[in-house]
Amino acid sequence: MLYVIGTPIGNLNDITLRALEALKGADVIAAEDTRHSGNLLRHFEIRKPLVSYHQHNEAMRTQELSERLSAGENVALITDAGMPGLSDPGARLIRACIQKGLDYTIIPGVSAILTALVGSGFALDRFCFHGFLPVKSGGRERELRAAAECAETSVFFESPHRISKTLAACAEIMAERQLCVARELTKKFEEFRRGTAAELLAHYAAHPAKGEITLVISGTAR
């Protein structure tokens, strides 16, 4: 069986008992970054064979893991942080299981998306997750303009190196809209900073952002 396992996004105490049980029972663990996941496994004293599973070998590895699943092995799929398949590898292997009639189960865990949403204080009844914002300015502005028209709360992942450019674009596109920069979620320096784009831009000009960032944009129907 394939076990799709959510892993901590920062605080290792957030791992679930089901996740630990599945990892200990796996014949092989497929990980986005074997070195990163190796640290997680060592912390919990789990010693299992690790294979890499990332965007550059996903097609080849999906075939290999499908064969192992067909042979009756238990395969655990994890990413560096959070749930596989959400802006991370995983969806291809799940589709392969569906197509081949192979058993799989999802073991949920912490999600930066939901953690940022709840921490933002914005409307939670309807939201849209857009993944990572495009690196190029044209694509980024198109995504932000679309979000500015949304009644729903919008959620994006963004790099700390680009957050100032993104906030500057937001200041032009949606000057009065309330935003929340959710940073270093579940970690020691966790931050939920709210304000207009101009207010946030001024803050991060004086205090450069570090760590993983989730940007939450309030919808038009506040």
N, C-alpha and C. Protein backbone atom coordinates (compact mmCIF):
# COMPACT_ATOMS: atom_id res chain seq x y z
N MET A 1 0.84 -1.20 0.00
CA MET A 1 0.00 0.00 0.00
C MET A 1 0.87 1.25 0.00
N LEU A 2 0.36 2.29 -0.64
CA LEU A 2 1.03 3.59 -0.62
C LEU A 2 0.47 4.41 0.54
N TYR A 3 1.38 4.93 1.36
CA TYR A 3 1.00 5.82 2.46
C TYR A 3 1.49 7.23 2.12
N VAL A 4 0.57 8.14 1.87
CA VAL A 4 0.91 9.53 1.57
C VAL A 4 0.84 10.28 2.89
N ILE A 5 2.00 10.74 3.36
CA ILE A 5 2.12 11.18 4.75
C ILE A 5 2.46 12.66 4.85
N GLY A 6 1.66 13.38 5.62
CA GLY A 6 1.98 14.77 5.93
C GLY A 6 3.03 14.82 7.02
N THR A 7 4.03 15.67 6.85
CA THR A 7 5.11 15.80 7.82
C THR A 7 5.13 17.23 8.38
N PRO A 8 5.81 17.44 9.51
CA PRO A 8 5.85 18.78 10.12
C PRO A 8 6.39 19.84 9.17
N ILE A 9 5.88 21.07 9.33
CA ILE A 9 6.37 22.19 8.51
C ILE A 9 7.40 23.02 9.28
N GLY A 10 7.72 22.59 10.48
CA GLY A 10 8.72 23.32 11.27
C GLY A 10 8.94 22.68 12.62
N ASN A 11 7.86 22.55 13.38
CA ASN A 11 7.92 21.97 14.72
C ASN A 11 7.75 20.46 14.63
N LEU A 12 8.80 19.72 14.97
CA LEU A 12 8.76 18.26 14.83
C LEU A 12 7.72 17.61 15.73
N ASN A 13 7.30 18.30 16.78
CA ASN A 13 6.27 17.75 17.67
C ASN A 13 4.91 17.67 16.99
N ASP A 14 4.77 18.26 15.81
CA ASP A 14 3.50 18.22 15.10
C ASP A 14 3.30 16.92 14.32
N ILE A 15 4.28 16.04 14.29
CA ILE A 15 4.09 14.78 13.58
C ILE A 15 3.02 13.96 14.29
N THR A 16 2.26 13.19 13.53
CA THR A 16 1.16 12.43 14.12
C THR A 16 1.59 11.00 14.45
N LEU A 17 0.84 10.37 15.34
CA LEU A 17 1.12 8.98 15.69
C LEU A 17 0.94 8.07 14.49
N ARG A 18 -0.07 8.34 13.67
CA ARG A 18 -0.29 7.54 12.45
C ARG A 18 0.88 7.66 11.50
N ALA A 19 1.42 8.88 11.38
CA ALA A 19 2.56 9.08 10.49
C ALA A 19 3.75 8.26 10.95
N LEU A 20 4.04 8.30 12.23
CA LEU A 20 5.17 7.52 12.76
C LEU A 20 4.95 6.03 12.56
N GLU A 21 3.74 5.57 12.78
CA GLU A 21 3.43 4.15 12.60
C GLU A 21 3.65 3.72 11.15
N ALA A 22 3.18 4.55 10.21
CA ALA A 22 3.32 4.21 8.79
C ALA A 22 4.78 4.25 8.35
N LEU A 23 5.53 5.22 8.83
CA LEU A 23 6.95 5.31 8.47
C LEU A 23 7.72 4.11 9.00
N LYS A 24 7.40 3.68 10.21
CA LYS A 24 8.09 2.53 10.79
C LYS A 24 7.72 1.23 10.09
N GLY A 25 6.52 1.18 9.50
CA GLY A 25 6.08 -0.03 8.83
C GLY A 25 6.38 -0.09 7.35
N ALA A 26 6.96 0.97 6.81
CA ALA A 26 7.21 1.02 5.36
C ALA A 26 8.40 0.15 4.96
N ASP A 27 8.32 -0.41 3.77
CA ASP A 27 9.48 -1.12 3.21
C ASP A 27 10.46 -0.14 2.60
N VAL A 28 9.95 0.97 2.10
CA VAL A 28 10.79 2.01 1.52
C VAL A 28 10.08 3.36 1.70
N ILE A 29 10.86 4.41 1.87
CA ILE A 29 10.32 5.75 2.02
C ILE A 29 10.79 6.61 0.85
N ALA A 30 9.85 7.14 0.09
CA ALA A 30 10.16 8.04 -1.03
C ALA A 30 10.08 9.47 -0.52
N ALA A 31 11.18 10.22 -0.66
CA ALA A 31 11.27 11.55 -0.08
C ALA A 31 11.73 12.56 -1.12
N GLU A 32 11.20 13.77 -1.01
CA GLU A 32 11.58 14.85 -1.93
C GLU A 32 13.08 15.13 -1.85
N ASP A 33 13.61 15.22 -0.65
CA ASP A 33 15.04 15.43 -0.42
C ASP A 33 15.46 14.43 0.65
N THR A 34 16.24 13.43 0.25
CA THR A 34 16.58 12.35 1.18
C THR A 34 17.42 12.84 2.35
N ARG A 35 18.24 13.85 2.13
CA ARG A 35 19.05 14.37 3.23
C ARG A 35 18.17 15.07 4.26
N HIS A 36 17.26 15.90 3.78
CA HIS A 36 16.34 16.61 4.68
C HIS A 36 15.47 15.62 5.45
N SER A 37 14.87 14.68 4.73
CA SER A 37 13.99 13.72 5.39
C SER A 37 14.77 12.75 6.27
N GLY A 38 16.03 12.52 5.91
CA GLY A 38 16.87 11.68 6.76
C GLY A 38 17.02 12.24 8.15
N ASN A 39 17.09 13.56 8.25
CA ASN A 39 17.17 14.21 9.57
C ASN A 39 15.90 13.96 10.37
N LEU A 40 14.76 14.06 9.70
CA LEU A 40 13.48 13.80 10.36
C LEU A 40 13.42 12.37 10.88
N LEU A 41 13.80 11.43 10.03
CA LEU A 41 13.73 10.02 10.41
C LEU A 41 14.70 9.70 11.55
N ARG A 42 15.88 10.26 11.50
CA ARG A 42 16.84 10.02 12.58
C ARG A 42 16.33 10.58 13.91
N HIS A 43 15.64 11.71 13.84
CA HIS A 43 15.10 12.31 15.06
C HIS A 43 14.15 11.35 15.76
N PHE A 44 13.38 10.61 14.97
CA PHE A 44 12.41 9.67 15.53
C PHE A 44 12.93 8.23 15.53
N GLU A 45 14.22 8.08 15.28
CA GLU A 45 14.90 6.78 15.32
C GLU A 45 14.24 5.77 14.39
N ILE A 46 13.95 6.23 13.18
CA ILE A 46 13.37 5.37 12.14
C ILE A 46 14.45 5.09 11.10
N ARG A 47 14.73 3.83 10.88
CA ARG A 47 15.77 3.44 9.93
C ARG A 47 15.14 2.60 8.82
N LYS A 48 14.93 3.23 7.69
CA LYS A 48 14.32 2.58 6.54
C LYS A 48 15.04 3.03 5.27
N PRO A 49 15.01 2.20 4.22
CA PRO A 49 15.61 2.63 2.95
C PRO A 49 14.92 3.88 2.42
N LEU A 50 15.71 4.81 1.92
CA LEU A 50 15.20 6.07 1.37
C LEU A 50 15.51 6.14 -0.12
N VAL A 51 14.53 6.59 -0.91
CA VAL A 51 14.78 6.88 -2.32
C VAL A 51 14.27 8.29 -2.59
N SER A 52 14.90 8.97 -3.51
CA SER A 52 14.48 10.33 -3.84
C SER A 52 13.25 10.31 -4.74
N TYR A 53 12.37 11.28 -4.55
CA TYR A 53 11.18 11.43 -5.39
C TYR A 53 10.91 12.92 -5.52
N HIS A 54 11.35 13.50 -6.64
CA HIS A 54 11.21 14.94 -6.83
C HIS A 54 10.86 15.24 -8.28
N GLN A 55 10.71 16.51 -8.61
CA GLN A 55 10.21 16.89 -9.93
C GLN A 55 11.11 16.44 -11.08
N HIS A 56 12.39 16.21 -10.81
CA HIS A 56 13.32 15.84 -11.87
C HIS A 56 13.34 14.34 -12.15
N ASN A 57 12.85 13.51 -11.22
CA ASN A 57 12.84 12.07 -11.47
C ASN A 57 11.47 11.46 -11.23
N GLU A 58 10.44 12.31 -11.13
CA GLU A 58 9.11 11.86 -10.75
C GLU A 58 8.55 10.80 -11.70
N ALA A 59 8.73 10.99 -13.00
CA ALA A 59 8.18 10.03 -13.97
C ALA A 59 8.83 8.66 -13.82
N MET A 60 10.16 8.64 -13.79
CA MET A 60 10.89 7.38 -13.66
C MET A 60 10.60 6.70 -12.33
N ARG A 61 10.61 7.49 -11.26
CA ARG A 61 10.43 6.91 -9.94
C ARG A 61 8.99 6.43 -9.73
N THR A 62 8.02 7.07 -10.37
CA THR A 62 6.64 6.62 -10.25
C THR A 62 6.49 5.21 -10.79
N GLN A 63 7.13 4.93 -11.91
CA GLN A 63 7.09 3.59 -12.49
C GLN A 63 7.73 2.58 -11.53
N GLU A 64 8.87 2.94 -11.00
CA GLU A 64 9.59 2.04 -10.08
C GLU A 64 8.77 1.76 -8.82
N LEU A 65 8.21 2.81 -8.24
CA LEU A 65 7.44 2.62 -7.00
C LEU A 65 6.13 1.89 -7.27
N SER A 66 5.53 2.11 -8.44
CA SER A 66 4.31 1.38 -8.80
C SER A 66 4.58 -0.12 -8.86
N GLU A 67 5.74 -0.48 -9.39
CA GLU A 67 6.11 -1.90 -9.46
C GLU A 67 6.30 -2.48 -8.07
N ARG A 68 6.89 -1.72 -7.18
CA ARG A 68 7.08 -2.20 -5.81
C ARG A 68 5.74 -2.34 -5.10
N LEU A 69 4.84 -1.40 -5.35
CA LEU A 69 3.51 -1.50 -4.76
C LEU A 69 2.76 -2.71 -5.30
N SER A 70 2.90 -2.97 -6.59
CA SER A 70 2.25 -4.12 -7.21
C SER A 70 2.77 -5.43 -6.64
N ALA A 71 4.03 -5.40 -6.20
CA ALA A 71 4.65 -6.59 -5.61
C ALA A 71 4.27 -6.78 -4.14
N GLY A 72 3.47 -5.86 -3.61
CA GLY A 72 2.99 -6.01 -2.24
C GLY A 72 3.76 -5.24 -1.19
N GLU A 73 4.70 -4.40 -1.61
CA GLU A 73 5.47 -3.62 -0.64
C GLU A 73 4.66 -2.43 -0.12
N ASN A 74 5.04 -1.98 1.06
CA ASN A 74 4.47 -0.76 1.63
C ASN A 74 5.42 0.40 1.34
N VAL A 75 4.91 1.43 0.69
CA VAL A 75 5.71 2.60 0.30
C VAL A 75 5.16 3.82 1.02
N ALA A 76 6.04 4.56 1.68
CA ALA A 76 5.66 5.82 2.32
C ALA A 76 6.15 6.97 1.46
N LEU A 77 5.30 7.93 1.20
CA LEU A 77 5.66 9.10 0.40
C LEU A 77 5.61 10.35 1.27
N ILE A 78 6.74 11.07 1.35
CA ILE A 78 6.79 12.30 2.14
C ILE A 78 7.49 13.39 1.33
N THR A 79 7.28 14.63 1.73
CA THR A 79 7.99 15.75 1.14
C THR A 79 8.80 16.44 2.24
N ASP A 80 9.47 17.52 1.88
CA ASP A 80 10.29 18.21 2.88
C ASP A 80 9.46 18.73 4.04
N ALA A 81 8.25 19.17 3.74
CA ALA A 81 7.38 19.72 4.78
C ALA A 81 5.95 19.76 4.26
N GLY A 82 5.00 19.35 5.10
CA GLY A 82 3.60 19.43 4.70
C GLY A 82 3.12 18.20 3.94
N MET A 83 2.08 18.40 3.15
CA MET A 83 1.43 17.30 2.45
C MET A 83 1.97 17.11 1.04
N PRO A 84 2.34 15.89 0.66
CA PRO A 84 2.73 15.62 -0.72
C PRO A 84 1.59 16.00 -1.67
N GLY A 85 1.96 16.53 -2.83
CA GLY A 85 0.97 16.88 -3.83
C GLY A 85 0.53 18.33 -3.81
N LEU A 86 0.75 19.04 -2.69
CA LEU A 86 0.39 20.45 -2.60
C LEU A 86 1.64 21.29 -2.85
N SER A 87 1.82 21.71 -4.10
CA SER A 87 3.02 22.43 -4.53
C SER A 87 4.28 21.60 -4.26
N ASP A 88 4.13 20.30 -4.20
CA ASP A 88 5.22 19.35 -4.00
C ASP A 88 4.91 18.10 -4.81
N PRO A 89 5.92 17.25 -5.06
CA PRO A 89 5.66 16.01 -5.79
C PRO A 89 4.68 15.10 -5.05
N GLY A 90 4.00 14.24 -5.80
CA GLY A 90 3.10 13.28 -5.17
C GLY A 90 1.87 12.95 -5.99
N ALA A 91 1.31 13.94 -6.67
CA ALA A 91 0.06 13.71 -7.39
C ALA A 91 0.21 12.65 -8.48
N ARG A 92 1.37 12.62 -9.14
CA ARG A 92 1.58 11.65 -10.23
C ARG A 92 1.50 10.21 -9.69
N LEU A 93 2.13 9.97 -8.55
CA LEU A 93 2.13 8.62 -7.98
C LEU A 93 0.73 8.22 -7.52
N ILE A 94 -0.02 9.15 -6.97
CA ILE A 94 -1.39 8.85 -6.56
C ILE A 94 -2.24 8.52 -7.78
N ARG A 95 -2.08 9.28 -8.86
CA ARG A 95 -2.84 8.98 -10.10
C ARG A 95 -2.47 7.61 -10.64
N ALA A 96 -1.19 7.24 -10.54
CA ALA A 96 -0.75 5.92 -11.00
C ALA A 96 -1.43 4.82 -10.20
N CYS A 97 -1.56 5.03 -8.90
CA CYS A 97 -2.25 4.05 -8.06
C CYS A 97 -3.71 3.91 -8.46
N ILE A 98 -4.35 5.04 -8.75
CA ILE A 98 -5.75 5.01 -9.17
C ILE A 98 -5.90 4.25 -10.48
N GLN A 99 -5.02 4.54 -11.44
CA GLN A 99 -5.09 3.91 -12.76
C GLN A 99 -4.82 2.41 -12.69
N LYS A 100 -3.92 2.00 -11.81
CA LYS A 100 -3.52 0.59 -11.71
C LYS A 100 -4.31 -0.18 -10.66
N GLY A 101 -5.21 0.51 -9.96
CA GLY A 101 -6.00 -0.16 -8.94
C GLY A 101 -5.20 -0.54 -7.70
N LEU A 102 -4.17 0.22 -7.39
CA LEU A 102 -3.32 -0.05 -6.23
C LEU A 102 -3.86 0.69 -5.01
N ASP A 103 -3.76 0.04 -3.87
CA ASP A 103 -4.28 0.64 -2.64
C ASP A 103 -3.41 1.81 -2.18
N TYR A 104 -4.06 2.86 -1.70
CA TYR A 104 -3.33 3.98 -1.10
C TYR A 104 -4.19 4.61 -0.02
N THR A 105 -3.54 5.31 0.89
CA THR A 105 -4.25 6.03 1.94
C THR A 105 -3.51 7.32 2.24
N ILE A 106 -4.25 8.29 2.73
CA ILE A 106 -3.67 9.60 3.05
C ILE A 106 -3.61 9.75 4.57
N ILE A 107 -2.43 10.07 5.07
CA ILE A 107 -2.26 10.32 6.50
C ILE A 107 -2.02 11.82 6.65
N PRO A 108 -3.07 12.57 7.00
CA PRO A 108 -2.95 14.04 7.00
C PRO A 108 -2.03 14.55 8.09
N GLY A 109 -1.51 15.74 7.83
CA GLY A 109 -0.63 16.39 8.80
C GLY A 109 -0.78 17.89 8.71
N VAL A 110 0.19 18.59 9.23
CA VAL A 110 0.16 20.05 9.26
C VAL A 110 0.21 20.60 7.84
N SER A 111 -0.52 21.67 7.59
CA SER A 111 -0.51 22.34 6.29
C SER A 111 -0.24 23.82 6.49
N ALA A 112 0.77 24.33 5.79
CA ALA A 112 1.05 25.77 5.86
C ALA A 112 -0.14 26.58 5.35
N ILE A 113 -0.87 26.02 4.40
CA ILE A 113 -2.02 26.72 3.83
C ILE A 113 -3.07 26.99 4.90
N LEU A 114 -3.49 25.94 5.59
CA LEU A 114 -4.54 26.10 6.59
C LEU A 114 -4.03 26.86 7.82
N THR A 115 -2.78 26.63 8.19
CA THR A 115 -2.22 27.34 9.34
C THR A 115 -2.20 28.85 9.08
N ALA A 116 -1.77 29.23 7.87
CA ALA A 116 -1.72 30.65 7.51
C ALA A 116 -3.12 31.24 7.42
N LEU A 117 -4.05 30.50 6.84
CA LEU A 117 -5.43 30.97 6.72
C LEU A 117 -6.05 31.28 8.08
N VAL A 118 -5.95 30.33 8.98
CA VAL A 118 -6.55 30.52 10.30
C VAL A 118 -5.86 31.67 11.03
N GLY A 119 -4.54 31.73 10.94
CA GLY A 119 -3.79 32.78 11.62
C GLY A 119 -4.02 34.17 11.05
N SER A 120 -4.47 34.25 9.80
CA SER A 120 -4.68 35.55 9.16
C SER A 120 -5.86 36.30 9.77
N GLY A 121 -6.84 35.56 10.26
CA GLY A 121 -8.05 36.20 10.76
C GLY A 121 -9.03 36.60 9.68
N PHE A 122 -8.73 36.28 8.42
CA PHE A 122 -9.62 36.61 7.31
C PHE A 122 -10.73 35.56 7.19
N ALA A 123 -11.68 35.82 6.30
CA ALA A 123 -12.79 34.89 6.10
C ALA A 123 -12.27 33.52 5.67
N LEU A 124 -12.81 32.47 6.29
CA LEU A 124 -12.33 31.11 6.04
C LEU A 124 -13.35 30.22 5.35
N ASP A 125 -14.57 30.73 5.14
CA ASP A 125 -15.60 29.87 4.59
C ASP A 125 -15.32 29.49 3.14
N ARG A 126 -14.63 30.37 2.41
CA ARG A 126 -14.24 30.07 1.02
C ARG A 126 -12.86 30.65 0.78
N PHE A 127 -11.98 29.85 0.18
CA PHE A 127 -10.65 30.36 -0.14
C PHE A 127 -10.11 29.65 -1.38
N CYS A 128 -9.07 30.23 -1.96
CA CYS A 128 -8.44 29.65 -3.15
C CYS A 128 -6.93 29.62 -2.94
N PHE A 129 -6.33 28.45 -3.11
CA PHE A 129 -4.88 28.30 -3.00
C PHE A 129 -4.28 28.32 -4.40
N HIS A 130 -3.31 29.20 -4.63
CA HIS A 130 -2.73 29.40 -5.95
C HIS A 130 -1.32 28.84 -6.09
N GLY A 131 -0.77 28.24 -5.05
CA GLY A 131 0.60 27.72 -5.13
C GLY A 131 1.63 28.83 -5.06
N PHE A 132 2.79 28.58 -5.66
CA PHE A 132 3.86 29.57 -5.66
C PHE A 132 3.57 30.65 -6.70
N LEU A 133 3.81 31.89 -6.35
CA LEU A 133 3.69 32.98 -7.31
C LEU A 133 4.78 32.84 -8.37
N PRO A 134 4.48 33.20 -9.63
CA PRO A 134 5.49 33.14 -10.68
C PRO A 134 6.70 34.01 -10.36
N VAL A 135 7.86 33.56 -10.80
CA VAL A 135 9.10 34.30 -10.56
C VAL A 135 9.13 35.58 -11.39
N LYS A 136 8.69 35.49 -12.65
CA LYS A 136 8.73 36.65 -13.53
C LYS A 136 7.63 37.65 -13.17
N SER A 137 7.96 38.92 -13.28
CA SER A 137 7.05 39.98 -12.82
C SER A 137 5.71 39.97 -13.56
N GLY A 138 5.74 39.70 -14.87
CA GLY A 138 4.50 39.70 -15.64
C GLY A 138 3.52 38.66 -15.14
N GLY A 139 4.00 37.43 -14.96
CA GLY A 139 3.15 36.36 -14.46
C GLY A 139 2.68 36.62 -13.04
N ARG A 140 3.58 37.17 -12.23
CA ARG A 140 3.22 37.46 -10.84
C ARG A 140 2.10 38.50 -10.78
N GLU A 141 2.21 39.55 -11.59
CA GLU A 141 1.18 40.59 -11.59
C GLU A 141 -0.16 40.07 -12.09
N ARG A 142 -0.14 39.18 -13.08
CA ARG A 142 -1.39 38.59 -13.57
C ARG A 142 -2.09 37.80 -12.46
N GLU A 143 -1.31 37.02 -11.72
CA GLU A 143 -1.89 36.24 -10.62
C GLU A 143 -2.47 37.17 -9.55
N LEU A 144 -1.75 38.23 -9.23
CA LEU A 144 -2.21 39.15 -8.19
C LEU A 144 -3.44 39.92 -8.63
N ARG A 145 -3.50 40.30 -9.91
CA ARG A 145 -4.69 41.00 -10.41
C ARG A 145 -5.91 40.09 -10.35
N ALA A 146 -5.71 38.83 -10.65
CA ALA A 146 -6.82 37.88 -10.56
C ALA A 146 -7.28 37.73 -9.11
N ALA A 147 -6.31 37.67 -8.19
CA ALA A 147 -6.65 37.55 -6.77
C ALA A 147 -7.39 38.79 -6.28
N ALA A 148 -7.03 39.95 -6.83
CA ALA A 148 -7.68 41.20 -6.41
C ALA A 148 -9.16 41.22 -6.76
N GLU A 149 -9.56 40.42 -7.75
CA GLU A 149 -10.96 40.36 -8.17
C GLU A 149 -11.74 39.27 -7.45
N CYS A 150 -11.05 38.45 -6.67
CA CYS A 150 -11.69 37.30 -6.03
C CYS A 150 -12.49 37.70 -4.79
N ALA A 151 -13.69 37.16 -4.68
CA ALA A 151 -14.45 37.34 -3.44
C ALA A 151 -13.85 36.52 -2.32
N GLU A 152 -13.20 35.40 -2.70
CA GLU A 152 -12.63 34.49 -1.71
C GLU A 152 -11.26 34.98 -1.23
N THR A 153 -10.88 34.52 -0.06
CA THR A 153 -9.52 34.73 0.43
C THR A 153 -8.55 33.95 -0.45
N SER A 154 -7.43 34.56 -0.81
CA SER A 154 -6.43 33.91 -1.67
C SER A 154 -5.17 33.61 -0.88
N VAL A 155 -4.54 32.48 -1.20
CA VAL A 155 -3.33 32.05 -0.51
C VAL A 155 -2.25 31.73 -1.54
N PHE A 156 -1.05 32.27 -1.31
CA PHE A 156 0.10 32.02 -2.17
C PHE A 156 1.30 31.62 -1.32
N PHE A 157 2.19 30.83 -1.90
CA PHE A 157 3.52 30.65 -1.32
C PHE A 157 4.45 31.65 -1.99
N GLU A 158 5.39 32.21 -1.23
CA GLU A 158 6.34 33.16 -1.79
C GLU A 158 7.70 33.03 -1.12
N SER A 159 8.73 33.38 -1.86
CA SER A 159 10.10 33.35 -1.35
C SER A 159 10.39 34.62 -0.56
N PRO A 160 11.18 34.52 0.52
CA PRO A 160 11.55 35.74 1.26
C PRO A 160 12.36 36.71 0.40
N HIS A 161 13.01 36.19 -0.64
CA HIS A 161 13.82 37.05 -1.51
C HIS A 161 12.95 37.86 -2.48
N ARG A 162 11.69 37.44 -2.66
CA ARG A 162 10.81 38.13 -3.60
C ARG A 162 9.63 38.81 -2.94
N ILE A 163 9.48 38.65 -1.63
CA ILE A 163 8.28 39.17 -0.98
C ILE A 163 8.16 40.68 -1.13
N SER A 164 9.28 41.40 -1.13
CA SER A 164 9.20 42.87 -1.27
C SER A 164 8.67 43.25 -2.65
N LYS A 165 9.12 42.55 -3.70
CA LYS A 165 8.61 42.82 -5.05
C LYS A 165 7.12 42.50 -5.13
N THR A 166 6.73 41.42 -4.48
CA THR A 166 5.32 41.04 -4.49
C THR A 166 4.46 42.06 -3.75
N LEU A 167 4.93 42.53 -2.61
CA LEU A 167 4.18 43.54 -1.85
C LEU A 167 4.11 44.86 -2.61
N ALA A 168 5.19 45.20 -3.32
CA ALA A 168 5.17 46.42 -4.13
C ALA A 168 4.12 46.32 -5.23
N ALA A 169 4.02 45.14 -5.85
CA ALA A 169 2.99 44.93 -6.87
C ALA A 169 1.60 45.00 -6.25
N CYS A 170 1.44 44.42 -5.07
CA CYS A 170 0.14 44.47 -4.38
C CYS A 170 -0.25 45.91 -4.05
N ALA A 171 0.73 46.73 -3.70
CA ALA A 171 0.45 48.13 -3.36
C ALA A 171 -0.13 48.88 -4.55
N GLU A 172 0.26 48.49 -5.76
CA GLU A 172 -0.27 49.12 -6.97
C GLU A 172 -1.62 48.53 -7.36
N ILE A 173 -1.76 47.22 -7.18
CA ILE A 173 -2.93 46.52 -7.68
C ILE A 173 -4.11 46.56 -6.71
N MET A 174 -3.82 46.48 -5.41
CA MET A 174 -4.88 46.39 -4.39
C MET A 174 -4.45 47.17 -3.15
N ALA A 175 -4.31 48.47 -3.30
CA ALA A 175 -3.70 49.31 -2.27
C ALA A 175 -4.41 49.24 -0.92
N GLU A 176 -5.73 49.10 -0.92
CA GLU A 176 -6.47 49.15 0.34
C GLU A 176 -6.76 47.77 0.93
N ARG A 177 -6.41 46.73 0.18
CA ARG A 177 -6.74 45.37 0.63
C ARG A 177 -5.88 44.97 1.82
N GLN A 178 -6.48 44.23 2.75
CA GLN A 178 -5.74 43.71 3.90
C GLN A 178 -5.02 42.41 3.50
N LEU A 179 -3.75 42.34 3.85
CA LEU A 179 -2.93 41.17 3.57
C LEU A 179 -2.37 40.63 4.88
N CYS A 180 -1.91 39.39 4.83
CA CYS A 180 -1.21 38.80 5.97
C CYS A 180 0.00 38.03 5.47
N VAL A 181 1.16 38.37 5.99
CA VAL A 181 2.37 37.60 5.71
C VAL A 181 2.55 36.63 6.88
N ALA A 182 2.37 35.34 6.59
CA ALA A 182 2.55 34.30 7.60
C ALA A 182 3.93 33.68 7.37
N ARG A 183 4.77 33.76 8.39
CA ARG A 183 6.19 33.43 8.19
C ARG A 183 6.68 32.49 9.29
N GLU A 184 7.57 31.57 8.91
CA GLU A 184 8.18 30.64 9.86
C GLU A 184 7.13 29.92 10.71
N LEU A 185 6.10 29.43 10.04
CA LEU A 185 4.97 28.82 10.74
C LEU A 185 5.39 27.63 11.60
N THR A 186 4.88 27.59 12.79
CA THR A 186 5.11 26.58 13.84
C THR A 186 6.51 26.62 14.44
N LYS A 187 7.35 27.53 13.96
CA LYS A 187 8.72 27.62 14.46
C LYS A 187 8.85 28.68 15.55
N LYS A 188 10.04 28.83 16.09
CA LYS A 188 10.29 29.74 17.21
C LYS A 188 9.92 31.18 16.87
N PHE A 189 10.24 31.61 15.64
CA PHE A 189 10.00 33.00 15.26
C PHE A 189 8.77 33.15 14.36
N GLU A 190 7.76 32.33 14.60
CA GLU A 190 6.51 32.40 13.85
C GLU A 190 5.93 33.82 13.88
N GLU A 191 5.41 34.24 12.72
CA GLU A 191 4.88 35.60 12.63
C GLU A 191 3.65 35.63 11.74
N PHE A 192 2.61 36.32 12.20
CA PHE A 192 1.45 36.66 11.38
C PHE A 192 1.38 38.18 11.37
N ARG A 193 1.79 38.79 10.27
CA ARG A 193 1.82 40.26 10.20
C ARG A 193 0.77 40.72 9.19
N ARG A 194 -0.16 41.52 9.66
CA ARG A 194 -1.26 41.99 8.81
C ARG A 194 -1.12 43.47 8.52
N GLY A 195 -1.76 43.90 7.44
CA GLY A 195 -1.77 45.30 7.07
C GLY A 195 -1.97 45.46 5.59
N THR A 196 -1.96 46.71 5.12
CA THR A 196 -1.99 46.94 3.68
C THR A 196 -0.64 46.57 3.10
N ALA A 197 -0.58 46.47 1.79
CA ALA A 197 0.69 46.14 1.14
C ALA A 197 1.76 47.18 1.45
N ALA A 198 1.37 48.46 1.46
CA ALA A 198 2.34 49.53 1.74
C ALA A 198 2.88 49.42 3.16
N GLU A 199 2.01 49.09 4.11
CA GLU A 199 2.44 48.94 5.50
C GLU A 199 3.40 47.77 5.66
N LEU A 200 3.08 46.67 5.01
CA LEU A 200 3.94 45.49 5.10
C LEU A 200 5.26 45.73 4.38
N LEU A 201 5.20 46.42 3.25
CA LEU A 201 6.41 46.72 2.50
C LEU A 201 7.36 47.57 3.33
N ALA A 202 6.83 48.55 4.03
CA ALA A 202 7.66 49.41 4.88
C ALA A 202 8.30 48.60 6.01
N HIS A 203 7.53 47.68 6.59
CA HIS A 203 8.07 46.86 7.68
C HIS A 203 9.23 46.00 7.20
N TYR A 204 9.04 45.33 6.07
CA TYR A 204 10.07 44.40 5.61
C TYR A 204 11.25 45.11 4.95
N ALA A 205 11.08 46.37 4.60
CA ALA A 205 12.23 47.16 4.15
C ALA A 205 13.17 47.40 5.33
N ALA A 206 12.60 47.58 6.51
CA ALA A 206 13.40 47.80 7.72
C ALA A 206 13.82 46.50 8.39
N HIS A 207 13.01 45.45 8.19
CA HIS A 207 13.28 44.15 8.82
C HIS A 207 13.14 43.06 7.75
N PRO A 208 14.18 42.80 6.98
CA PRO A 208 14.10 41.84 5.88
C PRO A 208 13.54 40.49 6.33
N ALA A 209 12.63 39.97 5.53
CA ALA A 209 11.96 38.71 5.86
C ALA A 209 12.91 37.53 5.69
N LYS A 210 12.77 36.56 6.56
CA LYS A 210 13.53 35.33 6.47
C LYS A 210 12.58 34.15 6.62
N GLY A 211 12.98 33.02 6.08
CA GLY A 211 12.19 31.80 6.24
C GLY A 211 11.06 31.68 5.24
N GLU A 212 10.35 30.55 5.34
CA GLU A 212 9.26 30.28 4.41
C GLU A 212 8.09 31.24 4.65
N ILE A 213 7.48 31.68 3.55
CA ILE A 213 6.41 32.68 3.64
C ILE A 213 5.14 32.18 2.94
N THR A 214 4.02 32.37 3.60
CA THR A 214 2.72 32.17 2.99
C THR A 214 2.00 33.51 3.01
N LEU A 215 1.58 33.97 1.85
CA LEU A 215 0.90 35.26 1.73
C LEU A 215 -0.60 35.03 1.61
N VAL A 216 -1.36 35.67 2.50
CA VAL A 216 -2.82 35.54 2.49
C VAL A 216 -3.42 36.90 2.13
N ILE A 217 -4.32 36.91 1.14
CA ILE A 217 -4.95 38.14 0.67
C ILE A 217 -6.44 38.06 0.94
N SER A 218 -6.97 39.02 1.68
CA SER A 218 -8.40 39.00 1.98
C SER A 218 -9.20 39.18 0.69
N GLY A 219 -10.39 38.58 0.65
CA GLY A 219 -11.21 38.67 -0.54
C GLY A 219 -12.02 39.95 -0.58
N THR A 220 -12.70 40.16 -1.70
CA THR A 220 -13.51 41.37 -1.85
C THR A 220 -14.75 41.31 -0.97
N ALA A 221 -15.21 40.08 -0.65
CA ALA A 221 -16.40 39.91 0.19
C ALA A 221 -15.97 39.74 1.64
N ARG A 222 -15.44 40.79 2.25
CA ARG A 222 -14.97 40.71 3.63
C ARG A 222 -16.13 40.85 4.60
